[in-house]
Amino acid sequence: MGLVSLGACVAGFVLDFIFGDPVWLYHPVRLIGKWISFLEKLLRRKTGEKRQIAAGGILWILTVAVVYSVTAGILWIVRKWGPAAGFILETFWCYQIFAARCLVSESGKVYERLKEKDLPGSRKAVSMIVGRDTENLSFEGVTKAAVETVAENTSDGVTAPLLYLLLGGAPLGFLYKAVNTMDSMLGYKNETYLYFGRIPAKMDDLFNYIPARLTAWFMVLASFLTGLNGKNAWKIYRRDCRKHASPNSAQSEAVCAGALDVQLAGDAVYFGKIHKKEFIGDPLRKIEAEDIPRAGRLMYVTTVLMLLVFGGIKLLICLL
């Protein structure tokens, strides 16, 4: 089934590139989110630290086990109807898993508002794709937030799912999305989730460790191919790739900052409180609205390069 899964992955990426996320259809990740919420209500109790950590670990195991077994089981049943049916289902699932077009589309809305000099509109648009407070952001702050989101989510939303899809087909792709969703819902360092969300957060770091670094390396190459500053991208990556609380988030962000010759990150406001963050990159020039589509092109070229290389490796393995 390796060739079938490879074909489904490529077809799913192409569908996402052309059509974007099928918003008219209930997304499986929403079902995963409901399952996580159900388990949280069942397992999270105001008990000791060790028990909270253990409960979070149980939630993680139950979630990945259910998500993988259900998707693999459904795919196995559908394949019994015929290879074509299995291919169509897996292609559609791969299409739903990729988030490249959605990322470009949503950041594009920010770009359009910025081009119109609509600060309130640009703040509202960027609030849909970032977690920070946006009501007091300047034009520069809005632009920086959008570029950072595209850069960071190149790995989380596009290339990491790609690698897991190539490795294990749609079931492993959905398992990765479950890991990512658990971190998004539970991986907060606050009173509620500091212990309960610890294992989901650490496992997300683990699952993204290799994809984030591969993405950064391929993004450096993509910087040269897209006419950006590839030399500076490599320089800033080597210097700033660890300037983030997460071991993975600054990987592609550092490359993007270097490629664009701009400075990203720095202090940000979350829920009314200032969070101190190191700067990433050097302010060789002032960030501008055009950097948003530039970051989007960098994301796409990076993804295509990785698809060609790792898809090619999988093809060779399947043919041997």
Foldseek 3Di string as FASTA:
>chain_A
DLVLLLVLLVLLVVCCVPPNAPPVDDAVLVVLVVLLVVLCVVQDDPDDLVSLLVSLVVSLVVSLVVLLCVVVVVLVVQCVVDSVSSSVVLSVLSNNQAHLNVLLVLLVQLLVCVVVVNQVSNLVSLVVQDQFRRPPADSLRSLQSSLLSLQQVLQVRHQLLSVQSSVPGSSSSRSLSSLVVLCVVQVDCDPRRVRNSPVSVVVNLVSRVVSLQLLLVLLLVLLVVLVFQSVQLVVLQVVCCCQDPRNRRSNRVLSLCRRHQAKHDAWTHHPRDIDGTDIGHDHPDRDDSVSNVVSSSSSVSSNVVSSCVSSVVSVVVVVD
